[in-house]
Amino acid sequence: MAWIALLIAGIFEWGWPVGLKLGFSEQGLRWGWLSFSLVSMLGSGTLLLIAQRTIPMGTAYAVWTGIGAVGAFVIGLWVFSEPATLARFFFVGLIVAGIVGLKLASS
């Protein structure tokens, strides 16, 4: 269950950078998106807390941030048309390799 909580916590990590990016426009603050960010942060942190009861803190934190970083990268490509360069994919691949390695090392 701890790994499932950690996976869901990582998915919640995707919400807050999206909410922050969309939370400000030329017209000013967009409170709905900023609220979405806060809910995402709260859900993510709560599930990380639950996961760390079983998974070592360093492993849980690294996996959590990795899932968040990879997810934000993919959302940036698909939703915000960010650059899809070979170098960016290579380095995100290193993050994925680290996440998988940490999961295997903790089994």
PDB file of N, CA and C in Angstrom:
ATOM      1  N   MET A   1       0.812  -1.213   0.000  1.00  0.00           N
ATOM      2  CA  MET A   1       0.000   0.000   0.000  1.00  0.00           C
ATOM      3  C   MET A   1       0.849   1.268   0.000  1.00  0.00           C
ATOM      4  N   ALA A   2       2.020   1.222   0.623  1.00  0.00           N
ATOM      5  CA  ALA A   2       2.860   2.414   0.689  1.00  0.00           C
ATOM      6  C   ALA A   2       3.306   2.848  -0.699  1.00  0.00           C
ATOM      7  N   TRP A   3       3.636   1.887  -1.552  1.00  0.00           N
ATOM      8  CA  TRP A   3       4.066   2.229  -2.907  1.00  0.00           C
ATOM      9  C   TRP A   3       2.911   2.792  -3.728  1.00  0.00           C
ATOM     10  N   ILE A   4       1.719   2.301  -3.503  1.00  0.00           N
ATOM     11  CA  ILE A   4       0.548   2.854  -4.196  1.00  0.00           C
ATOM     12  C   ILE A   4       0.306   4.292  -3.728  1.00  0.00           C
ATOM     13  N   ALA A   5       0.392   4.522  -2.420  1.00  0.00           N
ATOM     14  CA  ALA A   5       0.243   5.885  -1.884  1.00  0.00           C
ATOM     15  C   ALA A   5       1.305   6.800  -2.478  1.00  0.00           C
ATOM     16  N   LEU A   6       2.533   6.285  -2.612  1.00  0.00           N
ATOM     17  CA  LEU A   6       3.615   7.095  -3.165  1.00  0.00           C
ATOM     18  C   LEU A   6       3.373   7.410  -4.639  1.00  0.00           C
ATOM     19  N   LEU A   7       2.882   6.449  -5.388  1.00  0.00           N
ATOM     20  CA  LEU A   7       2.564   6.677  -6.797  1.00  0.00           C
ATOM     21  C   LEU A   7       1.483   7.752  -6.936  1.00  0.00           C
ATOM     22  N   ILE A   8       0.437   7.643  -6.147  1.00  0.00           N
ATOM     23  CA  ILE A   8      -0.646   8.634  -6.210  1.00  0.00           C
ATOM     24  C   ILE A   8      -0.147  10.005  -5.743  1.00  0.00           C
ATOM     25  N   ALA A   9       0.718  10.021  -4.730  1.00  0.00           N
ATOM     26  CA  ALA A   9       1.315  11.285  -4.279  1.00  0.00           C
ATOM     27  C   ALA A   9       2.097  11.936  -5.416  1.00  0.00           C
ATOM     28  N   GLY A  10       2.837  11.117  -6.165  1.00  0.00           N
ATOM     29  CA  GLY A  10       3.582  11.643  -7.309  1.00  0.00           C
ATOM     30  C   GLY A  10       2.669  12.208  -8.377  1.00  0.00           C
ATOM     31  N   ILE A  11       1.532  11.565  -8.585  1.00  0.00           N
ATOM     32  CA  ILE A  11       0.570  12.065  -9.567  1.00  0.00           C
ATOM     33  C   ILE A  11      -0.025  13.396  -9.096  1.00  0.00           C
ATOM     34  N   PHE A  12      -0.300  13.508  -7.806  1.00  0.00           N
ATOM     35  CA  PHE A  12      -0.766  14.788  -7.271  1.00  0.00           C
ATOM     36  C   PHE A  12       0.283  15.882  -7.493  1.00  0.00           C
ATOM     37  N   GLU A  13       1.555  15.497  -7.529  1.00  0.00           N
ATOM     38  CA  GLU A  13       2.625  16.466  -7.774  1.00  0.00           C
ATOM     39  C   GLU A  13       2.475  17.144  -9.126  1.00  0.00           C
ATOM     40  N   TRP A  14       1.826  16.503 -10.076  1.00  0.00           N
ATOM     41  CA  TRP A  14       1.630  17.108 -11.390  1.00  0.00           C
ATOM     42  C   TRP A  14       0.696  18.296 -11.324  1.00  0.00           C
ATOM     43  N   GLY A  15      -0.230  18.269 -10.373  1.00  0.00           N
ATOM     44  CA  GLY A  15      -1.269  19.291 -10.321  1.00  0.00           C
ATOM     45  C   GLY A  15      -0.782  20.655  -9.907  1.00  0.00           C
ATOM     46  N   TRP A  16       0.169  20.679  -8.984  1.00  0.00           N
ATOM     47  CA  TRP A  16       0.497  22.011  -8.489  1.00  0.00           C
ATOM     48  C   TRP A  16       1.316  22.852  -9.459  1.00  0.00           C
ATOM     49  N   PRO A  17       2.274  22.312 -10.240  1.00  0.00           N
ATOM     50  CA  PRO A  17       2.925  23.203 -11.207  1.00  0.00           C
ATOM     51  C   PRO A  17       1.973  23.651 -12.324  1.00  0.00           C
ATOM     52  N   VAL A  18       1.040  22.761 -12.699  1.00  0.00           N
ATOM     53  CA  VAL A  18       0.045  23.147 -13.706  1.00  0.00           C
ATOM     54  C   VAL A  18      -0.827  24.278 -13.155  1.00  0.00           C
ATOM     55  N   GLY A  19      -1.297  24.111 -11.921  1.00  0.00           N
ATOM     56  CA  GLY A  19      -2.127  25.144 -11.315  1.00  0.00           C
ATOM     57  C   GLY A  19      -1.400  26.466 -11.159  1.00  0.00           C
ATOM     58  N   LEU A  20      -0.109  26.404 -10.809  1.00  0.00           N
ATOM     59  CA  LEU A  20       0.654  27.642 -10.686  1.00  0.00           C
ATOM     60  C   LEU A  20       0.866  28.301 -12.044  1.00  0.00           C
ATOM     61  N   LYS A  21       1.144  27.491 -13.065  1.00  0.00           N
ATOM     62  CA  LYS A  21       1.346  28.049 -14.410  1.00  0.00           C
ATOM     63  C   LYS A  21       0.073  28.735 -14.917  1.00  0.00           C
ATOM     64  N   LEU A  22      -1.068  28.091 -14.659  1.00  0.00           N
ATOM     65  CA  LEU A  22      -2.337  28.646 -15.135  1.00  0.00           C
ATOM     66  C   LEU A  22      -2.955  29.637 -14.150  1.00  0.00           C
ATOM     67  N   GLY A  23      -2.358  29.768 -12.967  1.00  0.00           N
ATOM     68  CA  GLY A  23      -2.929  30.597 -11.916  1.00  0.00           C
ATOM     69  C   GLY A  23      -2.662  32.079 -12.047  1.00  0.00           C
ATOM     70  N   PHE A  24      -1.911  32.448 -13.056  1.00  0.00           N
ATOM     71  CA  PHE A  24      -1.648  33.865 -13.270  1.00  0.00           C
ATOM     72  C   PHE A  24      -1.770  34.157 -14.751  1.00  0.00           C
ATOM     73  N   SER A  25      -2.447  35.223 -15.074  1.00  0.00           N
ATOM     74  CA  SER A  25      -2.603  35.639 -16.467  1.00  0.00           C
ATOM     75  C   SER A  25      -2.384  37.142 -16.544  1.00  0.00           C
ATOM     76  N   GLU A  26      -2.473  37.658 -17.732  1.00  0.00           N
ATOM     77  CA  GLU A  26      -2.348  39.113 -17.932  1.00  0.00           C
ATOM     78  C   GLU A  26      -3.426  39.876 -17.158  1.00  0.00           C
ATOM     79  N   GLN A  27      -4.566  39.201 -16.925  1.00  0.00           N
ATOM     80  CA  GLN A  27      -5.669  39.843 -16.202  1.00  0.00           C
ATOM     81  C   GLN A  27      -5.497  39.745 -14.681  1.00  0.00           C
ATOM     82  N   GLY A  28      -4.522  38.982 -14.224  1.00  0.00           N
ATOM     83  CA  GLY A  28      -4.278  38.858 -12.790  1.00  0.00           C
ATOM     84  C   GLY A  28      -4.361  37.418 -12.309  1.00  0.00           C
ATOM     85  N   LEU A  29      -4.571  37.269 -11.019  1.00  0.00           N
ATOM     86  CA  LEU A  29      -4.614  35.941 -10.412  1.00  0.00           C
ATOM     87  C   LEU A  29      -5.882  35.200 -10.813  1.00  0.00           C
ATOM     88  N   ARG A  30      -5.729  33.891 -10.994  1.00  0.00           N
ATOM     89  CA  ARG A  30      -6.870  33.026 -11.308  1.00  0.00           C
ATOM     90  C   ARG A  30      -7.008  32.063 -10.130  1.00  0.00           C
ATOM     91  N   TRP A  31      -7.911  32.416  -9.228  1.00  0.00           N
ATOM     92  CA  TRP A  31      -8.019  31.750  -7.935  1.00  0.00           C
ATOM     93  C   TRP A  31      -8.404  30.276  -8.043  1.00  0.00           C
ATOM     94  N   GLY A  32      -9.158  29.894  -9.045  1.00  0.00           N
ATOM     95  CA  GLY A  32      -9.514  28.486  -9.214  1.00  0.00           C
ATOM     96  C   GLY A  32      -8.283  27.619  -9.442  1.00  0.00           C
ATOM     97  N   TRP A  33      -7.392  28.071 -10.315  1.00  0.00           N
ATOM     98  CA  TRP A  33      -6.167  27.307 -10.587  1.00  0.00           C
ATOM     99  C   TRP A  33      -5.214  27.331  -9.394  1.00  0.00           C
ATOM    100  N   LEU A  34      -5.149  28.461  -8.702  1.00  0.00           N
ATOM    101  CA  LEU A  34      -4.292  28.522  -7.517  1.00  0.00           C
ATOM    102  C   LEU A  34      -4.828  27.595  -6.421  1.00  0.00           C
ATOM    103  N   SER A  35      -6.143  27.518  -6.296  1.00  0.00           N
ATOM    104  CA  SER A  35      -6.747  26.586  -5.337  1.00  0.00           C
ATOM    105  C   SER A  35      -6.460  25.139  -5.732  1.00  0.00           C
ATOM    106  N   PHE A  36      -6.528  24.859  -7.025  1.00  0.00           N
ATOM    107  CA  PHE A  36      -6.181  23.529  -7.532  1.00  0.00           C
ATOM    108  C   PHE A  36      -4.750  23.171  -7.129  1.00  0.00           C
ATOM    109  N   SER A  37      -3.842  24.130  -7.222  1.00  0.00           N
ATOM    110  CA  SER A  37      -2.460  23.904  -6.793  1.00  0.00           C
ATOM    111  C   SER A  37      -2.388  23.549  -5.317  1.00  0.00           C
ATOM    112  N   LEU A  38      -3.092  24.297  -4.498  1.00  0.00           N
ATOM    113  CA  LEU A  38      -3.050  24.045  -3.054  1.00  0.00           C
ATOM    114  C   LEU A  38      -3.621  22.675  -2.699  1.00  0.00           C
ATOM    115  N   VAL A  39      -4.710  22.288  -3.340  1.00  0.00           N
ATOM    116  CA  VAL A  39      -5.297  20.961  -3.089  1.00  0.00           C
ATOM    117  C   VAL A  39      -4.323  19.872  -3.532  1.00  0.00           C
ATOM    118  N   SER A  40      -3.675  20.086  -4.676  1.00  0.00           N
ATOM    119  CA  SER A  40      -2.696  19.114  -5.161  1.00  0.00           C
ATOM    120  C   SER A  40      -1.522  18.979  -4.193  1.00  0.00           C
ATOM    121  N   MET A  41      -1.043  20.103  -3.686  1.00  0.00           N
ATOM    122  CA  MET A  41       0.060  20.075  -2.723  1.00  0.00           C
ATOM    123  C   MET A  41      -0.341  19.324  -1.455  1.00  0.00           C
ATOM    124  N   LEU A  42      -1.520  19.615  -0.959  1.00  0.00           N
ATOM    125  CA  LEU A  42      -1.995  18.977   0.263  1.00  0.00           C
ATOM    126  C   LEU A  42      -2.151  17.469   0.071  1.00  0.00           C
ATOM    127  N   GLY A  43      -2.767  17.062  -1.036  1.00  0.00           N
ATOM    128  CA  GLY A  43      -2.924  15.633  -1.314  1.00  0.00           C
ATOM    129  C   GLY A  43      -1.595  14.940  -1.487  1.00  0.00           C
ATOM    130  N   SER A  44      -0.690  15.574  -2.198  1.00  0.00           N
ATOM    131  CA  SER A  44       0.624  14.999  -2.436  1.00  0.00           C
ATOM    132  C   SER A  44       1.403  14.826  -1.136  1.00  0.00           C
ATOM    133  N   GLY A  45       1.418  15.869  -0.343  1.00  0.00           N
ATOM    134  CA  GLY A  45       2.155  15.805   0.919  1.00  0.00           C
ATOM    135  C   GLY A  45       1.572  14.798   1.889  1.00  0.00           C
ATOM    136  N   THR A  46       0.263  14.720   1.945  1.00  0.00           N
ATOM    137  CA  THR A  46      -0.392  13.763   2.848  1.00  0.00           C
ATOM    138  C   THR A  46      -0.061  12.329   2.447  1.00  0.00           C
ATOM    139  N   LEU A  47      -0.124  12.035   1.156  1.00  0.00           N
ATOM    140  CA  LEU A  47       0.185  10.676   0.704  1.00  0.00           C
ATOM    141  C   LEU A  47       1.667  10.348   0.845  1.00  0.00           C
ATOM    142  N   LEU A  48       2.536  11.357   0.681  1.00  0.00           N
ATOM    143  CA  LEU A  48       3.964  11.135   0.944  1.00  0.00           C
ATOM    144  C   LEU A  48       4.173  10.796   2.411  1.00  0.00           C
ATOM    145  N   LEU A  49       3.491  11.485   3.288  1.00  0.00           N
ATOM    146  CA  LEU A  49       3.570  11.196   4.720  1.00  0.00           C
ATOM    147  C   LEU A  49       3.194   9.740   5.005  1.00  0.00           C
ATOM    148  N   ILE A  50       2.126   9.290   4.388  1.00  0.00           N
ATOM    149  CA  ILE A  50       1.681   7.903   4.578  1.00  0.00           C
ATOM    150  C   ILE A  50       2.719   6.931   4.038  1.00  0.00           C
ATOM    151  N   ALA A  51       3.253   7.213   2.856  1.00  0.00           N
ATOM    152  CA  ALA A  51       4.228   6.314   2.237  1.00  0.00           C
ATOM    153  C   ALA A  51       5.499   6.209   3.061  1.00  0.00           C
ATOM    154  N   GLN A  52       5.925   7.320   3.663  1.00  0.00           N
ATOM    155  CA  GLN A  52       7.172   7.331   4.427  1.00  0.00           C
ATOM    156  C   GLN A  52       7.086   6.564   5.741  1.00  0.00           C
ATOM    157  N   ARG A  53       5.908   6.142   6.104  1.00  0.00           N
ATOM    158  CA  ARG A  53       5.791   5.316   7.306  1.00  0.00           C
ATOM    159  C   ARG A  53       6.422   3.954   7.080  1.00  0.00           C
ATOM    160  N   THR A  54       6.508   3.512   5.812  1.00  0.00           N
ATOM    161  CA  THR A  54       7.054   2.200   5.467  1.00  0.00           C
ATOM    162  C   THR A  54       8.298   2.304   4.595  1.00  0.00           C
ATOM    163  N   ILE A  55       8.266   3.193   3.625  1.00  0.00           N
ATOM    164  CA  ILE A  55       9.371   3.352   2.677  1.00  0.00           C
ATOM    165  C   ILE A  55      10.394   4.314   3.283  1.00  0.00           C
ATOM    166  N   PRO A  56      11.696   4.023   3.178  1.00  0.00           N
ATOM    167  CA  PRO A  56      12.703   4.955   3.698  1.00  0.00           C
ATOM    168  C   PRO A  56      12.521   6.363   3.114  1.00  0.00           C
ATOM    169  N   MET A  57      12.729   7.357   3.954  1.00  0.00           N
ATOM    170  CA  MET A  57      12.475   8.738   3.581  1.00  0.00           C
ATOM    171  C   MET A  57      13.207   9.147   2.304  1.00  0.00           C
ATOM    172  N   GLY A  58      14.489   8.857   2.199  1.00  0.00           N
ATOM    173  CA  GLY A  58      15.260   9.251   1.022  1.00  0.00           C
ATOM    174  C   GLY A  58      14.729   8.631  -0.254  1.00  0.00           C
ATOM    175  N   THR A  59      14.369   7.355  -0.181  1.00  0.00           N
ATOM    176  CA  THR A  59      13.808   6.666  -1.344  1.00  0.00           C
ATOM    177  C   THR A  59      12.452   7.259  -1.697  1.00  0.00           C
ATOM    178  N   ALA A  60      11.594   7.425  -0.706  1.00  0.00           N
ATOM    179  CA  ALA A  60      10.250   7.957  -0.957  1.00  0.00           C
ATOM    180  C   ALA A  60      10.323   9.348  -1.561  1.00  0.00           C
ATOM    181  N   TYR A  61      11.170  10.190  -1.016  1.00  0.00           N
ATOM    182  CA  TYR A  61      11.264  11.563  -1.515  1.00  0.00           C
ATOM    183  C   TYR A  61      11.795  11.595  -2.939  1.00  0.00           C
ATOM    184  N   ALA A  62      12.821  10.809  -3.219  1.00  0.00           N
ATOM    185  CA  ALA A  62      13.395  10.783  -4.567  1.00  0.00           C
ATOM    186  C   ALA A  62      12.385  10.269  -5.591  1.00  0.00           C
ATOM    187  N   VAL A  63      11.662   9.218  -5.254  1.00  0.00           N
ATOM    188  CA  VAL A  63      10.657   8.672  -6.167  1.00  0.00           C
ATOM    189  C   VAL A  63       9.518   9.675  -6.354  1.00  0.00           C
ATOM    190  N   TRP A  64       9.081  10.274  -5.279  1.00  0.00           N
ATOM    191  CA  TRP A  64       7.996  11.268  -5.316  1.00  0.00           C
ATOM    192  C   TRP A  64       8.347  12.436  -6.226  1.00  0.00           C
ATOM    193  N   THR A  65       9.522  13.002  -6.025  1.00  0.00           N
ATOM    194  CA  THR A  65       9.917  14.135  -6.865  1.00  0.00           C
ATOM    195  C   THR A  65      10.159  13.694  -8.303  1.00  0.00           C
ATOM    196  N   GLY A  66      10.678  12.483  -8.483  1.00  0.00           N
ATOM    197  CA  GLY A  66      10.907  11.976  -9.836  1.00  0.00           C
ATOM    198  C   GLY A  66       9.610  11.813 -10.604  1.00  0.00           C
ATOM    199  N   ILE A  67       8.605  11.205  -9.961  1.00  0.00           N
ATOM    200  CA  ILE A  67       7.299  11.048 -10.612  1.00  0.00           C
ATOM    201  C   ILE A  67       6.734  12.428 -10.954  1.00  0.00           C
ATOM    202  N   GLY A  68       6.863  13.362 -10.032  1.00  0.00           N
ATOM    203  CA  GLY A  68       6.381  14.712 -10.285  1.00  0.00           C
ATOM    204  C   GLY A  68       7.116  15.387 -11.434  1.00  0.00           C
ATOM    205  N   ALA A  69       8.432  15.239 -11.476  1.00  0.00           N
ATOM    206  CA  ALA A  69       9.224  15.874 -12.527  1.00  0.00           C
ATOM    207  C   ALA A  69       8.922  15.286 -13.898  1.00  0.00           C
ATOM    208  N   VAL A  70       8.840  13.969 -13.979  1.00  0.00           N
ATOM    209  CA  VAL A  70       8.555  13.320 -15.262  1.00  0.00           C
ATOM    210  C   VAL A  70       7.144  13.683 -15.728  1.00  0.00           C
ATOM    211  N   GLY A  71       6.187  13.649 -14.819  1.00  0.00           N
ATOM    212  CA  GLY A  71       4.821  14.007 -15.176  1.00  0.00           C
ATOM    213  C   GLY A  71       4.705  15.448 -15.632  1.00  0.00           C
ATOM    214  N   ALA A  72       5.365  16.363 -14.928  1.00  0.00           N
ATOM    215  CA  ALA A  72       5.336  17.769 -15.322  1.00  0.00           C
ATOM    216  C   ALA A  72       5.993  17.961 -16.688  1.00  0.00           C
ATOM    217  N   PHE A  73       7.045  17.200 -16.947  1.00  0.00           N
ATOM    218  CA  PHE A  73       7.709  17.250 -18.253  1.00  0.00           C
ATOM    219  C   PHE A  73       6.741  16.846 -19.365  1.00  0.00           C
ATOM    220  N   VAL A  74       6.057  15.729 -19.173  1.00  0.00           N
ATOM    221  CA  VAL A  74       5.132  15.221 -20.193  1.00  0.00           C
ATOM    222  C   VAL A  74       3.960  16.193 -20.382  1.00  0.00           C
ATOM    223  N   ILE A  75       3.410  16.695 -19.289  1.00  0.00           N
ATOM    224  CA  ILE A  75       2.316  17.667 -19.391  1.00  0.00           C
ATOM    225  C   ILE A  75       2.794  18.923 -20.109  1.00  0.00           C
ATOM    226  N   GLY A  76       4.010  19.344 -19.813  1.00  0.00           N
ATOM    227  CA  GLY A  76       4.568  20.506 -20.500  1.00  0.00           C
ATOM    228  C   GLY A  76       4.641  20.301 -22.006  1.00  0.00           C
ATOM    229  N   LEU A  77       5.028  19.091 -22.416  1.00  0.00           N
ATOM    230  CA  LEU A  77       5.092  18.782 -23.851  1.00  0.00           C
ATOM    231  C   LEU A  77       3.709  18.811 -24.479  1.00  0.00           C
ATOM    232  N   TRP A  78       2.767  18.092 -23.879  1.00  0.00           N
ATOM    233  CA  TRP A  78       1.452  17.889 -24.476  1.00  0.00           C
ATOM    234  C   TRP A  78       0.525  19.080 -24.351  1.00  0.00           C
ATOM    235  N   VAL A  79       0.533  19.719 -23.196  1.00  0.00           N
ATOM    236  CA  VAL A  79      -0.445  20.776 -22.940  1.00  0.00           C
ATOM    237  C   VAL A  79       0.105  22.165 -23.274  1.00  0.00           C
ATOM    238  N   PHE A  80       1.381  22.392 -22.970  1.00  0.00           N
ATOM    239  CA  PHE A  80       1.942  23.727 -23.113  1.00  0.00           C
ATOM    240  C   PHE A  80       2.907  23.861 -24.288  1.00  0.00           C
ATOM    241  N   SER A  81       3.004  22.823 -25.101  1.00  0.00           N
ATOM    242  CA  SER A  81       3.858  22.846 -26.307  1.00  0.00           C
ATOM    243  C   SER A  81       5.301  23.232 -26.007  1.00  0.00           C
ATOM    244  N   GLU A  82       5.834  22.706 -24.911  1.00  0.00           N
ATOM    245  CA  GLU A  82       7.232  22.965 -24.575  1.00  0.00           C
ATOM    246  C   GLU A  82       8.141  22.179 -25.515  1.00  0.00           C
ATOM    247  N   PRO A  83       9.408  22.571 -25.633  1.00  0.00           N
ATOM    248  CA  PRO A  83      10.309  21.922 -26.590  1.00  0.00           C
ATOM    249  C   PRO A  83      10.512  20.431 -26.298  1.00  0.00           C
ATOM    250  N   ALA A  84      10.470  19.635 -27.358  1.00  0.00           N
ATOM    251  CA  ALA A  84      10.673  18.185 -27.251  1.00  0.00           C
ATOM    252  C   ALA A  84      12.018  17.842 -27.888  1.00  0.00           C
ATOM    253  N   THR A  85      13.096  18.188 -27.204  1.00  0.00           N
ATOM    254  CA  THR A  85      14.427  17.926 -27.749  1.00  0.00           C
ATOM    255  C   THR A  85      14.949  16.583 -27.262  1.00  0.00           C
ATOM    256  N   LEU A  86      15.870  16.037 -28.023  1.00  0.00           N
ATOM    257  CA  LEU A  86      16.481  14.764 -27.657  1.00  0.00           C
ATOM    258  C   LEU A  86      17.181  14.853 -26.300  1.00  0.00           C
ATOM    259  N   ALA A  87      17.849  15.949 -26.044  1.00  0.00           N
ATOM    260  CA  ALA A  87      18.552  16.118 -24.766  1.00  0.00           C
ATOM    261  C   ALA A  87      17.571  16.085 -23.595  1.00  0.00           C
ATOM    262  N   ARG A  88      16.446  16.750 -23.738  1.00  0.00           N
ATOM    263  CA  ARG A  88      15.455  16.761 -22.653  1.00  0.00           C
ATOM    264  C   ARG A  88      14.934  15.349 -22.392  1.00  0.00           C
ATOM    265  N   PHE A  89      14.633  14.605 -23.456  1.00  0.00           N
ATOM    266  CA  PHE A  89      14.170  13.231 -23.280  1.00  0.00           C
ATOM    267  C   PHE A  89      15.250  12.360 -22.639  1.00  0.00           C
ATOM    268  N   PHE A  90      16.487  12.552 -23.023  1.00  0.00           N
ATOM    269  CA  PHE A  90      17.584  11.775 -22.450  1.00  0.00           C
ATOM    270  C   PHE A  90      17.668  11.987 -20.935  1.00  0.00           C
ATOM    271  N   PHE A  91      17.645  13.229 -20.519  1.00  0.00           N
ATOM    272  CA  PHE A  91      17.795  13.513 -19.095  1.00  0.00           C
ATOM    273  C   PHE A  91      16.567  13.116 -18.284  1.00  0.00           C
ATOM    274  N   VAL A  92      15.386  13.223 -18.857  1.00  0.00           N
ATOM    275  CA  VAL A  92      14.201  12.710 -18.173  1.00  0.00           C
ATOM    276  C   VAL A  92      14.291  11.181 -18.089  1.00  0.00           C
ATOM    277  N   GLY A  93      14.854  10.547 -19.112  1.00  0.00           N
ATOM    278  CA  GLY A  93      15.087   9.104 -19.056  1.00  0.00           C
ATOM    279  C   GLY A  93      15.998   8.718 -17.900  1.00  0.00           C
ATOM    280  N   LEU A  94      16.968   9.548 -17.597  1.00  0.00           N
ATOM    281  CA  LEU A  94      17.833   9.289 -16.438  1.00  0.00           C
ATOM    282  C   LEU A  94      17.036   9.356 -15.133  1.00  0.00           C
ATOM    283  N   ILE A  95      16.099  10.277 -15.058  1.00  0.00           N
ATOM    284  CA  ILE A  95      15.242  10.360 -13.870  1.00  0.00           C
ATOM    285  C   ILE A  95      14.423   9.078 -13.736  1.00  0.00           C
ATOM    286  N   VAL A  96      13.838   8.627 -14.840  1.00  0.00           N
ATOM    287  CA  VAL A  96      13.046   7.390 -14.820  1.00  0.00           C
ATOM    288  C   VAL A  96      13.920   6.214 -14.397  1.00  0.00           C
ATOM    289  N   ALA A  97      15.130   6.131 -14.924  1.00  0.00           N
ATOM    290  CA  ALA A  97      16.051   5.052 -14.538  1.00  0.00           C
ATOM    291  C   ALA A  97      16.344   5.108 -13.034  1.00  0.00           C
ATOM    292  N   GLY A  98      16.488   6.295 -12.505  1.00  0.00           N
ATOM    293  CA  GLY A  98      16.717   6.431 -11.068  1.00  0.00           C
ATOM    294  C   GLY A  98      15.526   5.979 -10.245  1.00  0.00           C
ATOM    295  N   ILE A  99      14.313   6.308 -10.693  1.00  0.00           N
ATOM    296  CA  ILE A  99      13.109   5.884  -9.983  1.00  0.00           C
ATOM    297  C   ILE A  99      13.019   4.369  -9.979  1.00  0.00           C
ATOM    298  N   VAL A 100      13.210   3.751 -11.142  1.00  0.00           N
ATOM    299  CA  VAL A 100      13.143   2.294 -11.238  1.00  0.00           C
ATOM    300  C   VAL A 100      14.237   1.668 -10.391  1.00  0.00           C
ATOM    301  N   GLY A 101      15.433   2.213 -10.445  1.00  0.00           N
ATOM    302  CA  GLY A 101      16.538   1.686  -9.645  1.00  0.00           C
ATOM    303  C   GLY A 101      16.254   1.749  -8.152  1.00  0.00           C
ATOM    304  N   LEU A 102      15.693   2.843  -7.689  1.00  0.00           N
ATOM    305  CA  LEU A 102      15.362   2.966  -6.266  1.00  0.00           C
ATOM    306  C   LEU A 102      14.285   1.974  -5.861  1.00  0.00           C
ATOM    307  N   LYS A 103      13.310   1.765  -6.726  1.00  0.00           N
ATOM    308  CA  LYS A 103      12.251   0.788  -6.426  1.00  0.00           C
ATOM    309  C   LYS A 103      12.861  -0.614  -6.331  1.00  0.00           C
ATOM    310  N   LEU A 104      13.715  -0.966  -7.282  1.00  0.00           N
ATOM    311  CA  LEU A 104      14.343  -2.291  -7.266  1.00  0.00           C
ATOM    312  C   LEU A 104      15.266  -2.465  -6.069  1.00  0.00           C
ATOM    313  N   ALA A 105      15.986  -1.424  -5.715  1.00  0.00           N
ATOM    314  CA  ALA A 105      16.916  -1.503  -4.590  1.00  0.00           C
ATOM    315  C   ALA A 105      16.208  -1.608  -3.255  1.00  0.00           C
ATOM    316  N   SER A 106      14.963  -1.174  -3.177  1.00  0.00           N
ATOM    317  CA  SER A 106      14.245  -1.192  -1.903  1.00  0.00           C
ATOM    318  C   SER A 106      13.407  -2.457  -1.730  1.00  0.00           C
ATOM    319  N   SER A 107      13.360  -3.305  -2.743  1.00  0.00           N
ATOM    320  CA  SER A 107      12.533  -4.518  -2.644  1.00  0.00           C
ATOM    321  C   SER A 107      13.123  -5.528  -1.688  1.00  0.00           C
TER     322      SER A 107
END
